[in-house]
ModelCIF file with pLDDT and N, C-alpha, C, O atoms, coordinates in Angstrom:
data_MODEL
#
_entry.id   MODEL 
#
_entity.id                         1 
_entity.type                       polymer 
_entity.pdbx_number_of_molecules   1 
#
_entity_poly.entity_id                      1 
_entity_poly.type                           'polypeptide(L)' 
_entity_poly.nstd_linkage                   no 
_entity_poly.nstd_monomer                   no 
_entity_poly.pdbx_seq_one_letter_code       
;(UNK)(UNK)(UNK)(UNK)(UNK)(UNK)(UNK)(UNK)(UNK)(UNK)(UNK)(UNK)(UNK)(UNK)(UNK)(UNK)
(UNK)(UNK)(UNK)(UNK)(UNK)(UNK)(UNK)(UNK)(UNK)(UNK)(UNK)(UNK)(UNK)(UNK)(UNK)(UNK)
(UNK)(UNK)(UNK)(UNK)(UNK)(UNK)(UNK)(UNK)(UNK)(UNK)(UNK)(UNK)(UNK)(UNK)(UNK)
;
_entity_poly.pdbx_seq_one_letter_code_can   XXXXXXXXXXXXXXXXXXXXXXXXXXXXXXXXXXXXXXXXXXXXXXX 
_entity_poly.pdbx_strand_id                 A 
#
loop_
_entity_poly_seq.entity_id 
_entity_poly_seq.num 
_entity_poly_seq.mon_id 
_entity_poly_seq.hetero 
1 1  UNK n 
1 2  UNK n 
1 3  UNK n 
1 4  UNK n 
1 5  UNK n 
1 6  UNK n 
1 7  UNK n 
1 8  UNK n 
1 9  UNK n 
1 10 UNK n 
1 11 UNK n 
1 12 UNK n 
1 13 UNK n 
1 14 UNK n 
1 15 UNK n 
1 16 UNK n 
1 17 UNK n 
1 18 UNK n 
1 19 UNK n 
1 20 UNK n 
1 21 UNK n 
1 22 UNK n 
1 23 UNK n 
1 24 UNK n 
1 25 UNK n 
1 26 UNK n 
1 27 UNK n 
1 28 UNK n 
1 29 UNK n 
1 30 UNK n 
1 31 UNK n 
1 32 UNK n 
1 33 UNK n 
1 34 UNK n 
1 35 UNK n 
1 36 UNK n 
1 37 UNK n 
1 38 UNK n 
1 39 UNK n 
1 40 UNK n 
1 41 UNK n 
1 42 UNK n 
1 43 UNK n 
1 44 UNK n 
1 45 UNK n 
1 46 UNK n 
1 47 UNK n 
#
_struct_asym.id          A 
_struct_asym.entity_id   1 
#
loop_
_ma_qa_metric.id 
_ma_qa_metric.mode 
_ma_qa_metric.name 
_ma_qa_metric.software_group_id 
_ma_qa_metric.type 
1 global pLDDT . pLDDT 
2 local  pLDDT . pLDDT 
#
_ma_qa_metric_global.metric_id      1 
_ma_qa_metric_global.metric_value   84.64 
_ma_qa_metric_global.model_id       1 
_ma_qa_metric_global.ordinal_id     1 
#
loop_
_ma_qa_metric_local.label_asym_id 
_ma_qa_metric_local.label_comp_id 
_ma_qa_metric_local.label_seq_id 
_ma_qa_metric_local.metric_id 
_ma_qa_metric_local.metric_value 
_ma_qa_metric_local.model_id 
_ma_qa_metric_local.ordinal_id 
A UNK 1  2 93.00 1 1  
A UNK 2  2 91.00 1 2  
A UNK 3  2 91.00 1 3  
A UNK 4  2 93.00 1 4  
A UNK 5  2 92.00 1 5  
A UNK 6  2 90.00 1 6  
A UNK 7  2 90.00 1 7  
A UNK 8  2 91.00 1 8  
A UNK 9  2 92.00 1 9  
A UNK 10 2 94.00 1 10 
A UNK 11 2 94.00 1 11 
A UNK 12 2 95.00 1 12 
A UNK 13 2 95.00 1 13 
A UNK 14 2 93.00 1 14 
A UNK 15 2 92.00 1 15 
A UNK 16 2 89.00 1 16 
A UNK 17 2 82.00 1 17 
A UNK 18 2 76.00 1 18 
A UNK 19 2 65.00 1 19 
A UNK 20 2 59.00 1 20 
A UNK 21 2 65.00 1 21 
A UNK 22 2 68.00 1 22 
A UNK 23 2 65.00 1 23 
A UNK 24 2 64.00 1 24 
A UNK 25 2 62.00 1 25 
A UNK 26 2 61.00 1 26 
A UNK 27 2 65.00 1 27 
A UNK 28 2 64.00 1 28 
A UNK 29 2 76.00 1 29 
A UNK 30 2 82.00 1 30 
A UNK 31 2 84.00 1 31 
A UNK 32 2 88.00 1 32 
A UNK 33 2 88.00 1 33 
A UNK 34 2 89.00 1 34 
A UNK 35 2 90.00 1 35 
A UNK 36 2 91.00 1 36 
A UNK 37 2 92.00 1 37 
A UNK 38 2 92.00 1 38 
A UNK 39 2 93.00 1 39 
A UNK 40 2 93.00 1 40 
A UNK 41 2 94.00 1 41 
A UNK 42 2 93.00 1 42 
A UNK 43 2 94.00 1 43 
A UNK 44 2 94.00 1 44 
A UNK 45 2 93.00 1 45 
A UNK 46 2 91.00 1 46 
A UNK 47 2 90.00 1 47 
#
loop_
_atom_site.group_PDB 
_atom_site.id 
_atom_site.type_symbol 
_atom_site.label_atom_id 
_atom_site.label_alt_id 
_atom_site.label_comp_id 
_atom_site.label_asym_id 
_atom_site.label_entity_id 
_atom_site.label_seq_id 
_atom_site.pdbx_PDB_ins_code 
_atom_site.Cartn_x 
_atom_site.Cartn_y 
_atom_site.Cartn_z 
_atom_site.occupancy 
_atom_site.B_iso_or_equiv 
_atom_site.pdbx_formal_charge 
_atom_site.auth_seq_id 
_atom_site.auth_comp_id 
_atom_site.auth_asym_id 
_atom_site.auth_atom_id 
_atom_site.pdbx_PDB_model_num 
ATOM 1   N N  . UNK A 1 1  ? 18.245  -16.917 -1.720  1.00 93.00 ? 1  UNK A N  1 
ATOM 2   C CA . UNK A 1 1  ? 18.751  -15.656 -2.083  1.00 93.00 ? 1  UNK A CA 1 
ATOM 3   C C  . UNK A 1 1  ? 20.267  -15.617 -1.966  1.00 93.00 ? 1  UNK A C  1 
ATOM 4   O O  . UNK A 1 1  ? 20.956  -15.053 -2.816  1.00 93.00 ? 1  UNK A O  1 
ATOM 5   N N  . UNK A 1 2  ? 20.768  -16.219 -0.908  1.00 91.00 ? 2  UNK A N  1 
ATOM 6   C CA . UNK A 1 2  ? 22.283  -16.319 -0.749  1.00 91.00 ? 2  UNK A CA 1 
ATOM 7   C C  . UNK A 1 2  ? 22.868  -17.106 -1.908  1.00 91.00 ? 2  UNK A C  1 
ATOM 8   O O  . UNK A 1 2  ? 23.924  -16.726 -2.413  1.00 91.00 ? 2  UNK A O  1 
ATOM 9   N N  . UNK A 1 3  ? 22.249  -18.160 -2.346  1.00 91.00 ? 3  UNK A N  1 
ATOM 10  C CA . UNK A 1 3  ? 22.778  -18.944 -3.400  1.00 91.00 ? 3  UNK A CA 1 
ATOM 11  C C  . UNK A 1 3  ? 22.835  -18.135 -4.743  1.00 91.00 ? 3  UNK A C  1 
ATOM 12  O O  . UNK A 1 3  ? 23.807  -18.197 -5.496  1.00 91.00 ? 3  UNK A O  1 
ATOM 13  N N  . UNK A 1 4  ? 21.741  -17.383 -4.986  1.00 93.00 ? 4  UNK A N  1 
ATOM 14  C CA . UNK A 1 4  ? 21.657  -16.603 -6.214  1.00 93.00 ? 4  UNK A CA 1 
ATOM 15  C C  . UNK A 1 4  ? 22.743  -15.496 -6.201  1.00 93.00 ? 4  UNK A C  1 
ATOM 16  O O  . UNK A 1 4  ? 23.371  -15.225 -7.224  1.00 93.00 ? 4  UNK A O  1 
ATOM 17  N N  . UNK A 1 5  ? 22.947  -14.873 -5.042  1.00 92.00 ? 5  UNK A N  1 
ATOM 18  C CA . UNK A 1 5  ? 23.989  -13.841 -4.912  1.00 92.00 ? 5  UNK A CA 1 
ATOM 19  C C  . UNK A 1 5  ? 25.383  -14.421 -5.057  1.00 92.00 ? 5  UNK A C  1 
ATOM 20  O O  . UNK A 1 5  ? 26.227  -13.883 -5.773  1.00 92.00 ? 5  UNK A O  1 
ATOM 21  N N  . UNK A 1 6  ? 25.611  -15.554 -4.348  1.00 90.00 ? 6  UNK A N  1 
ATOM 22  C CA . UNK A 1 6  ? 26.936  -16.187 -4.319  1.00 90.00 ? 6  UNK A CA 1 
ATOM 23  C C  . UNK A 1 6  ? 27.335  -16.613 -5.758  1.00 90.00 ? 6  UNK A C  1 
ATOM 24  O O  . UNK A 1 6  ? 28.495  -16.459 -6.142  1.00 90.00 ? 6  UNK A O  1 
ATOM 25  N N  . UNK A 1 7  ? 26.403  -17.135 -6.529  1.00 90.00 ? 7  UNK A N  1 
ATOM 26  C CA . UNK A 1 7  ? 26.724  -17.668 -7.863  1.00 90.00 ? 7  UNK A CA 1 
ATOM 27  C C  . UNK A 1 7  ? 26.663  -16.575 -8.879  1.00 90.00 ? 7  UNK A C  1 
ATOM 28  O O  . UNK A 1 7  ? 26.975  -16.826 -10.043 1.00 90.00 ? 7  UNK A O  1 
ATOM 29  N N  . UNK A 1 8  ? 26.256  -15.298 -8.495  1.00 91.00 ? 8  UNK A N  1 
ATOM 30  C CA . UNK A 1 8  ? 26.220  -14.245 -9.436  1.00 91.00 ? 8  UNK A CA 1 
ATOM 31  C C  . UNK A 1 8  ? 25.182  -14.411 -10.551 1.00 91.00 ? 8  UNK A C  1 
ATOM 32  O O  . UNK A 1 8  ? 25.375  -13.952 -11.676 1.00 91.00 ? 8  UNK A O  1 
ATOM 33  N N  . UNK A 1 9  ? 24.120  -15.055 -10.219 1.00 92.00 ? 9  UNK A N  1 
ATOM 34  C CA . UNK A 1 9  ? 23.055  -15.357 -11.278 1.00 92.00 ? 9  UNK A CA 1 
ATOM 35  C C  . UNK A 1 9  ? 22.236  -14.106 -11.586 1.00 92.00 ? 9  UNK A C  1 
ATOM 36  O O  . UNK A 1 9  ? 21.935  -13.308 -10.699 1.00 92.00 ? 9  UNK A O  1 
ATOM 37  N N  . UNK A 1 10 ? 21.880  -13.953 -12.874 1.00 94.00 ? 10 UNK A N  1 
ATOM 38  C CA . UNK A 1 10 ? 21.098  -12.782 -13.259 1.00 94.00 ? 10 UNK A CA 1 
ATOM 39  C C  . UNK A 1 10 ? 19.600  -13.016 -12.901 1.00 94.00 ? 10 UNK A C  1 
ATOM 40  O O  . UNK A 1 10 ? 18.732  -12.981 -13.773 1.00 94.00 ? 10 UNK A O  1 
ATOM 41  N N  . UNK A 1 11 ? 19.341  -13.244 -11.658 1.00 94.00 ? 11 UNK A N  1 
ATOM 42  C CA . UNK A 1 11 ? 17.970  -13.430 -11.129 1.00 94.00 ? 11 UNK A CA 1 
ATOM 43  C C  . UNK A 1 11 ? 17.620  -12.331 -10.175 1.00 94.00 ? 11 UNK A C  1 
ATOM 44  O O  . UNK A 1 11 ? 18.261  -12.143 -9.140  1.00 94.00 ? 11 UNK A O  1 
ATOM 45  N N  . UNK A 1 12 ? 16.595  -11.609 -10.539 1.00 95.00 ? 12 UNK A N  1 
ATOM 46  C CA . UNK A 1 12 ? 16.154  -10.533 -9.634  1.00 95.00 ? 12 UNK A CA 1 
ATOM 47  C C  . UNK A 1 12 ? 15.000  -11.084 -8.716  1.00 95.00 ? 12 UNK A C  1 
ATOM 48  O O  . UNK A 1 12 ? 13.997  -11.615 -9.194  1.00 95.00 ? 12 UNK A O  1 
ATOM 49  N N  . UNK A 1 13 ? 15.207  -10.924 -7.380  1.00 95.00 ? 13 UNK A N  1 
ATOM 50  C CA . UNK A 1 13 ? 14.245  -11.412 -6.394  1.00 95.00 ? 13 UNK A CA 1 
ATOM 51  C C  . UNK A 1 13 ? 13.310  -10.243 -6.083  1.00 95.00 ? 13 UNK A C  1 
ATOM 52  O O  . UNK A 1 13 ? 13.768  -9.139  -5.790  1.00 95.00 ? 13 UNK A O  1 
ATOM 53  N N  . UNK A 1 14 ? 12.018  -10.486 -6.146  1.00 93.00 ? 14 UNK A N  1 
ATOM 54  C CA . UNK A 1 14 ? 10.979  -9.513  -5.826  1.00 93.00 ? 14 UNK A CA 1 
ATOM 55  C C  . UNK A 1 14 ? 10.183  -10.006 -4.639  1.00 93.00 ? 14 UNK A C  1 
ATOM 56  O O  . UNK A 1 14 ? 9.556   -11.064 -4.698  1.00 93.00 ? 14 UNK A O  1 
ATOM 57  N N  . UNK A 1 15 ? 10.208  -9.206  -3.511  1.00 92.00 ? 15 UNK A N  1 
ATOM 58  C CA . UNK A 1 15 ? 9.546   -9.623  -2.322  1.00 92.00 ? 15 UNK A CA 1 
ATOM 59  C C  . UNK A 1 15 ? 8.620   -8.529  -1.844  1.00 92.00 ? 15 UNK A C  1 
ATOM 60  O O  . UNK A 1 15 ? 9.095   -7.566  -1.242  1.00 92.00 ? 15 UNK A O  1 
ATOM 61  N N  . UNK A 1 16 ? 7.310   -8.625  -2.082  1.00 89.00 ? 16 UNK A N  1 
ATOM 62  C CA . UNK A 1 16 ? 6.405   -7.612  -1.564  1.00 89.00 ? 16 UNK A CA 1 
ATOM 63  C C  . UNK A 1 16 ? 6.445   -7.554  -0.030  1.00 89.00 ? 16 UNK A C  1 
ATOM 64  O O  . UNK A 1 16 ? 6.613   -8.589  0.614   1.00 89.00 ? 16 UNK A O  1 
ATOM 65  N N  . UNK A 1 17 ? 6.299   -6.407  0.542   1.00 82.00 ? 17 UNK A N  1 
ATOM 66  C CA . UNK A 1 17 ? 6.258   -6.270  1.959   1.00 82.00 ? 17 UNK A CA 1 
ATOM 67  C C  . UNK A 1 17 ? 4.928   -6.828  2.479   1.00 82.00 ? 17 UNK A C  1 
ATOM 68  O O  . UNK A 1 17 ? 3.866   -6.512  1.943   1.00 82.00 ? 17 UNK A O  1 
ATOM 69  N N  . UNK A 1 18 ? 4.995   -7.652  3.515   1.00 76.00 ? 18 UNK A N  1 
ATOM 70  C CA . UNK A 1 18 ? 3.845   -8.368  3.971   1.00 76.00 ? 18 UNK A CA 1 
ATOM 71  C C  . UNK A 1 18 ? 3.417   -8.050  5.412   1.00 76.00 ? 18 UNK A C  1 
ATOM 72  O O  . UNK A 1 18 ? 2.593   -8.747  6.004   1.00 76.00 ? 18 UNK A O  1 
ATOM 73  N N  . UNK A 1 19 ? 4.024   -6.937  5.972   1.00 65.00 ? 19 UNK A N  1 
ATOM 74  C CA . UNK A 1 19 ? 3.776   -6.574  7.366   1.00 65.00 ? 19 UNK A CA 1 
ATOM 75  C C  . UNK A 1 19 ? 2.317   -6.203  7.461   1.00 65.00 ? 19 UNK A C  1 
ATOM 76  O O  . UNK A 1 19 ? 1.809   -5.417  6.662   1.00 65.00 ? 19 UNK A O  1 
ATOM 77  N N  . UNK A 1 20 ? 1.653   -6.767  8.433   1.00 59.00 ? 20 UNK A N  1 
ATOM 78  C CA . UNK A 1 20 ? 0.199   -6.508  8.789   1.00 59.00 ? 20 UNK A CA 1 
ATOM 79  C C  . UNK A 1 20 ? -0.714  -7.132  7.704   1.00 59.00 ? 20 UNK A C  1 
ATOM 80  O O  . UNK A 1 20 ? -1.900  -6.810  7.639   1.00 59.00 ? 20 UNK A O  1 
ATOM 81  N N  . UNK A 1 21 ? -0.157  -8.025  6.851   1.00 65.00 ? 21 UNK A N  1 
ATOM 82  C CA . UNK A 1 21 ? -0.985  -8.696  5.866   1.00 65.00 ? 21 UNK A CA 1 
ATOM 83  C C  . UNK A 1 21 ? -1.947  -9.681  6.505   1.00 65.00 ? 21 UNK A C  1 
ATOM 84  O O  . UNK A 1 21 ? -1.539  -10.456 7.370   1.00 65.00 ? 21 UNK A O  1 
ATOM 85  N N  . UNK A 1 22 ? -3.206  -9.675  6.109   1.00 68.00 ? 22 UNK A N  1 
ATOM 86  C CA . UNK A 1 22 ? -4.190  -10.684 6.598   1.00 68.00 ? 22 UNK A CA 1 
ATOM 87  C C  . UNK A 1 22 ? -5.017  -11.131 5.354   1.00 68.00 ? 22 UNK A C  1 
ATOM 88  O O  . UNK A 1 22 ? -4.913  -10.554 4.272   1.00 68.00 ? 22 UNK A O  1 
ATOM 89  N N  . UNK A 1 23 ? -5.817  -12.155 5.563   1.00 65.00 ? 23 UNK A N  1 
ATOM 90  C CA . UNK A 1 23 ? -6.556  -12.656 4.428   1.00 65.00 ? 23 UNK A CA 1 
ATOM 91  C C  . UNK A 1 23 ? -7.895  -12.022 4.208   1.00 65.00 ? 23 UNK A C  1 
ATOM 92  O O  . UNK A 1 23 ? -8.634  -12.414 3.304   1.00 65.00 ? 23 UNK A O  1 
ATOM 93  N N  . UNK A 1 24 ? -8.240  -10.988 5.072   1.00 64.00 ? 24 UNK A N  1 
ATOM 94  C CA . UNK A 1 24 ? -9.424  -10.182 4.879   1.00 64.00 ? 24 UNK A CA 1 
ATOM 95  C C  . UNK A 1 24 ? -9.201  -8.825  5.377   1.00 64.00 ? 24 UNK A C  1 
ATOM 96  O O  . UNK A 1 24 ? -8.319  -8.627  6.213   1.00 64.00 ? 24 UNK A O  1 
ATOM 97  N N  . UNK A 1 25 ? -9.936  -7.865  4.927   1.00 62.00 ? 25 UNK A N  1 
ATOM 98  C CA . UNK A 1 25 ? -9.775  -6.482  5.341   1.00 62.00 ? 25 UNK A CA 1 
ATOM 99  C C  . UNK A 1 25 ? -10.292 -6.115  6.693   1.00 62.00 ? 25 UNK A C  1 
ATOM 100 O O  . UNK A 1 25 ? -10.087 -4.996  7.164   1.00 62.00 ? 25 UNK A O  1 
ATOM 101 N N  . UNK A 1 26 ? -10.962 -7.048  7.327   1.00 61.00 ? 26 UNK A N  1 
ATOM 102 C CA . UNK A 1 26 ? -11.486 -6.793  8.698   1.00 61.00 ? 26 UNK A CA 1 
ATOM 103 C C  . UNK A 1 26 ? -10.328 -7.008  9.688   1.00 61.00 ? 26 UNK A C  1 
ATOM 104 O O  . UNK A 1 26 ? -10.280 -6.299  10.693  1.00 61.00 ? 26 UNK A O  1 
ATOM 105 N N  . UNK A 1 27 ? -9.456  -7.881  9.476   1.00 65.00 ? 27 UNK A N  1 
ATOM 106 C CA . UNK A 1 27 ? -8.335  -8.159  10.371  1.00 65.00 ? 27 UNK A CA 1 
ATOM 107 C C  . UNK A 1 27 ? -7.077  -7.365  10.108  1.00 65.00 ? 27 UNK A C  1 
ATOM 108 O O  . UNK A 1 27 ? -6.231  -7.209  10.989  1.00 65.00 ? 27 UNK A O  1 
ATOM 109 N N  . UNK A 1 28 ? -6.959  -6.870  8.910   1.00 64.00 ? 28 UNK A N  1 
ATOM 110 C CA . UNK A 1 28 ? -5.775  -6.152  8.476   1.00 64.00 ? 28 UNK A CA 1 
ATOM 111 C C  . UNK A 1 28 ? -5.824  -5.829  7.062   1.00 64.00 ? 28 UNK A C  1 
ATOM 112 O O  . UNK A 1 28 ? -6.903  -5.781  6.470   1.00 64.00 ? 28 UNK A O  1 
ATOM 113 N N  . UNK A 1 29 ? -4.635  -5.588  6.446   1.00 76.00 ? 29 UNK A N  1 
ATOM 114 C CA . UNK A 1 29 ? -4.560  -5.232  5.017   1.00 76.00 ? 29 UNK A CA 1 
ATOM 115 C C  . UNK A 1 29 ? -4.331  -6.416  4.221   1.00 76.00 ? 29 UNK A C  1 
ATOM 116 O O  . UNK A 1 29 ? -3.432  -7.194  4.542   1.00 76.00 ? 29 UNK A O  1 
ATOM 117 N N  . UNK A 1 30 ? -5.118  -6.641  3.133   1.00 82.00 ? 30 UNK A N  1 
ATOM 118 C CA . UNK A 1 30 ? -4.885  -7.771  2.258   1.00 82.00 ? 30 UNK A CA 1 
ATOM 119 C C  . UNK A 1 30 ? -3.915  -7.399  1.152   1.00 82.00 ? 30 UNK A C  1 
ATOM 120 O O  . UNK A 1 30 ? -3.874  -6.252  0.708   1.00 82.00 ? 30 UNK A O  1 
ATOM 121 N N  . UNK A 1 31 ? -3.140  -8.371  0.711   1.00 84.00 ? 31 UNK A N  1 
ATOM 122 C CA . UNK A 1 31 ? -2.251  -8.174  -0.391  1.00 84.00 ? 31 UNK A CA 1 
ATOM 123 C C  . UNK A 1 31 ? -3.000  -8.407  -1.638  1.00 84.00 ? 31 UNK A C  1 
ATOM 124 O O  . UNK A 1 31 ? -3.432  -9.536  -1.869  1.00 84.00 ? 31 UNK A O  1 
ATOM 125 N N  . UNK A 1 32 ? -3.201  -7.378  -2.510  1.00 88.00 ? 32 UNK A N  1 
ATOM 126 C CA . UNK A 1 32 ? -3.927  -7.439  -3.693  1.00 88.00 ? 32 UNK A CA 1 
ATOM 127 C C  . UNK A 1 32 ? -2.982  -7.488  -4.915  1.00 88.00 ? 32 UNK A C  1 
ATOM 128 O O  . UNK A 1 32 ? -1.790  -7.192  -4.833  1.00 88.00 ? 32 UNK A O  1 
ATOM 129 N N  . UNK A 1 33 ? -3.591  -7.882  -6.051  1.00 88.00 ? 33 UNK A N  1 
ATOM 130 C CA . UNK A 1 33 ? -2.716  -7.927  -7.270  1.00 88.00 ? 33 UNK A CA 1 
ATOM 131 C C  . UNK A 1 33 ? -2.140  -6.598  -7.659  1.00 88.00 ? 33 UNK A C  1 
ATOM 132 O O  . UNK A 1 33 ? -1.061  -6.558  -8.251  1.00 88.00 ? 33 UNK A O  1 
ATOM 133 N N  . UNK A 1 34 ? -2.800  -5.513  -7.357  1.00 89.00 ? 34 UNK A N  1 
ATOM 134 C CA . UNK A 1 34 ? -2.273  -4.146  -7.577  1.00 89.00 ? 34 UNK A CA 1 
ATOM 135 C C  . UNK A 1 34 ? -0.992  -3.911  -6.766  1.00 89.00 ? 34 UNK A C  1 
ATOM 136 O O  . UNK A 1 34 ? -0.031  -3.302  -7.236  1.00 89.00 ? 34 UNK A O  1 
ATOM 137 N N  . UNK A 1 35 ? -1.023  -4.424  -5.520  1.00 90.00 ? 35 UNK A N  1 
ATOM 138 C CA . UNK A 1 35 ? 0.122   -4.238  -4.643  1.00 90.00 ? 35 UNK A CA 1 
ATOM 139 C C  . UNK A 1 35 ? 1.324   -5.070  -5.192  1.00 90.00 ? 35 UNK A C  1 
ATOM 140 O O  . UNK A 1 35 ? 2.468   -4.617  -5.172  1.00 90.00 ? 35 UNK A O  1 
ATOM 141 N N  . UNK A 1 36 ? 1.034   -6.239  -5.656  1.00 91.00 ? 36 UNK A N  1 
ATOM 142 C CA . UNK A 1 36 ? 2.148   -7.084  -6.171  1.00 91.00 ? 36 UNK A CA 1 
ATOM 143 C C  . UNK A 1 36 ? 2.697   -6.435  -7.449  1.00 91.00 ? 36 UNK A C  1 
ATOM 144 O O  . UNK A 1 36 ? 3.914   -6.413  -7.637  1.00 91.00 ? 36 UNK A O  1 
ATOM 145 N N  . UNK A 1 37 ? 1.853   -5.915  -8.316  1.00 92.00 ? 37 UNK A N  1 
ATOM 146 C CA . UNK A 1 37 ? 2.338   -5.160  -9.488  1.00 92.00 ? 37 UNK A CA 1 
ATOM 147 C C  . UNK A 1 37 ? 3.213   -3.982  -9.096  1.00 92.00 ? 37 UNK A C  1 
ATOM 148 O O  . UNK A 1 37 ? 4.259   -3.739  -9.698  1.00 92.00 ? 37 UNK A O  1 
ATOM 149 N N  . UNK A 1 38 ? 2.793   -3.287  -8.126  1.00 92.00 ? 38 UNK A N  1 
ATOM 150 C CA . UNK A 1 38 ? 3.540   -2.075  -7.664  1.00 92.00 ? 38 UNK A CA 1 
ATOM 151 C C  . UNK A 1 38 ? 4.934   -2.538  -7.167  1.00 92.00 ? 38 UNK A C  1 
ATOM 152 O O  . UNK A 1 38 ? 5.933   -1.878  -7.453  1.00 92.00 ? 38 UNK A O  1 
ATOM 153 N N  . UNK A 1 39 ? 5.006   -3.662  -6.428  1.00 93.00 ? 39 UNK A N  1 
ATOM 154 C CA . UNK A 1 39 ? 6.233   -4.169  -5.904  1.00 93.00 ? 39 UNK A CA 1 
ATOM 155 C C  . UNK A 1 39 ? 7.185   -4.570  -7.036  1.00 93.00 ? 39 UNK A C  1 
ATOM 156 O O  . UNK A 1 39 ? 8.381   -4.289  -6.971  1.00 93.00 ? 39 UNK A O  1 
ATOM 157 N N  . UNK A 1 40 ? 6.650   -5.228  -8.074  1.00 93.00 ? 40 UNK A N  1 
ATOM 158 C CA . UNK A 1 40 ? 7.460   -5.629  -9.226  1.00 93.00 ? 40 UNK A CA 1 
ATOM 159 C C  . UNK A 1 40 ? 7.979   -4.418  -9.917  1.00 93.00 ? 40 UNK A C  1 
ATOM 160 O O  . UNK A 1 40 ? 9.159   -4.412  -10.267 1.00 93.00 ? 40 UNK A O  1 
ATOM 161 N N  . UNK A 1 41 ? 7.215   -3.394  -10.147 1.00 94.00 ? 41 UNK A N  1 
ATOM 162 C CA . UNK A 1 41 ? 7.634   -2.208  -10.867 1.00 94.00 ? 41 UNK A CA 1 
ATOM 163 C C  . UNK A 1 41 ? 8.622   -1.449  -10.110 1.00 94.00 ? 41 UNK A C  1 
ATOM 164 O O  . UNK A 1 41 ? 9.548   -0.915  -10.720 1.00 94.00 ? 41 UNK A O  1 
ATOM 165 N N  . UNK A 1 42 ? 8.513   -1.337  -8.748  1.00 93.00 ? 42 UNK A N  1 
ATOM 166 C CA . UNK A 1 42 ? 9.408   -0.610  -7.924  1.00 93.00 ? 42 UNK A CA 1 
ATOM 167 C C  . UNK A 1 42 ? 10.762  -1.333  -7.904  1.00 93.00 ? 42 UNK A C  1 
ATOM 168 O O  . UNK A 1 42 ? 11.804  -0.682  -7.820  1.00 93.00 ? 42 UNK A O  1 
ATOM 169 N N  . UNK A 1 43 ? 10.758  -2.624  -7.978  1.00 94.00 ? 43 UNK A N  1 
ATOM 170 C CA . UNK A 1 43 ? 11.992  -3.413  -7.955  1.00 94.00 ? 43 UNK A CA 1 
ATOM 171 C C  . UNK A 1 43 ? 12.739  -3.323  -9.240  1.00 94.00 ? 43 UNK A C  1 
ATOM 172 O O  . UNK A 1 43 ? 13.959  -3.159  -9.224  1.00 94.00 ? 43 UNK A O  1 
ATOM 173 N N  . UNK A 1 44 ? 12.072  -3.420  -10.350 1.00 94.00 ? 44 UNK A N  1 
ATOM 174 C CA . UNK A 1 44 ? 12.704  -3.456  -11.696 1.00 94.00 ? 44 UNK A CA 1 
ATOM 175 C C  . UNK A 1 44 ? 12.958  -2.098  -12.268 1.00 94.00 ? 44 UNK A C  1 
ATOM 176 O O  . UNK A 1 44 ? 13.914  -1.928  -13.025 1.00 94.00 ? 44 UNK A O  1 
ATOM 177 N N  . UNK A 1 45 ? 12.140  -1.109  -11.941 1.00 93.00 ? 45 UNK A N  1 
ATOM 178 C CA . UNK A 1 45 ? 12.210  0.225   -12.435 1.00 93.00 ? 45 UNK A CA 1 
ATOM 179 C C  . UNK A 1 45 ? 12.024  1.293   -11.378 1.00 93.00 ? 45 UNK A C  1 
ATOM 180 O O  . UNK A 1 45 ? 11.052  2.047   -11.424 1.00 93.00 ? 45 UNK A O  1 
ATOM 181 N N  . UNK A 1 46 ? 12.941  1.370   -10.426 1.00 91.00 ? 46 UNK A N  1 
ATOM 182 C CA . UNK A 1 46 ? 12.753  2.219   -9.240  1.00 91.00 ? 46 UNK A CA 1 
ATOM 183 C C  . UNK A 1 46 ? 12.547  3.677   -9.490  1.00 91.00 ? 46 UNK A C  1 
ATOM 184 O O  . UNK A 1 46 ? 11.993  4.390   -8.654  1.00 91.00 ? 46 UNK A O  1 
ATOM 185 N N  . UNK A 1 47 ? 13.010  4.149   -10.689 1.00 90.00 ? 47 UNK A N  1 
ATOM 186 C CA . UNK A 1 47 ? 12.891  5.559   -11.008 1.00 90.00 ? 47 UNK A CA 1 
ATOM 187 C C  . UNK A 1 47 ? 11.567  5.884   -11.678 1.00 90.00 ? 47 UNK A C  1 
ATOM 188 O O  . UNK A 1 47 ? 11.313  7.042   -12.012 1.00 90.00 ? 47 UNK A O  1 
#
């Protein structure tokens, strides 16, 4: 990320929040495709 910012590259980094993420819903919250899609939309079109 530092290299992208330092070089001024037109690359948008998308990082879904993974706090409390687990691989099944019994231990915590799973990260599903819908959550990833939401993260991409919020990053690229926040309004």
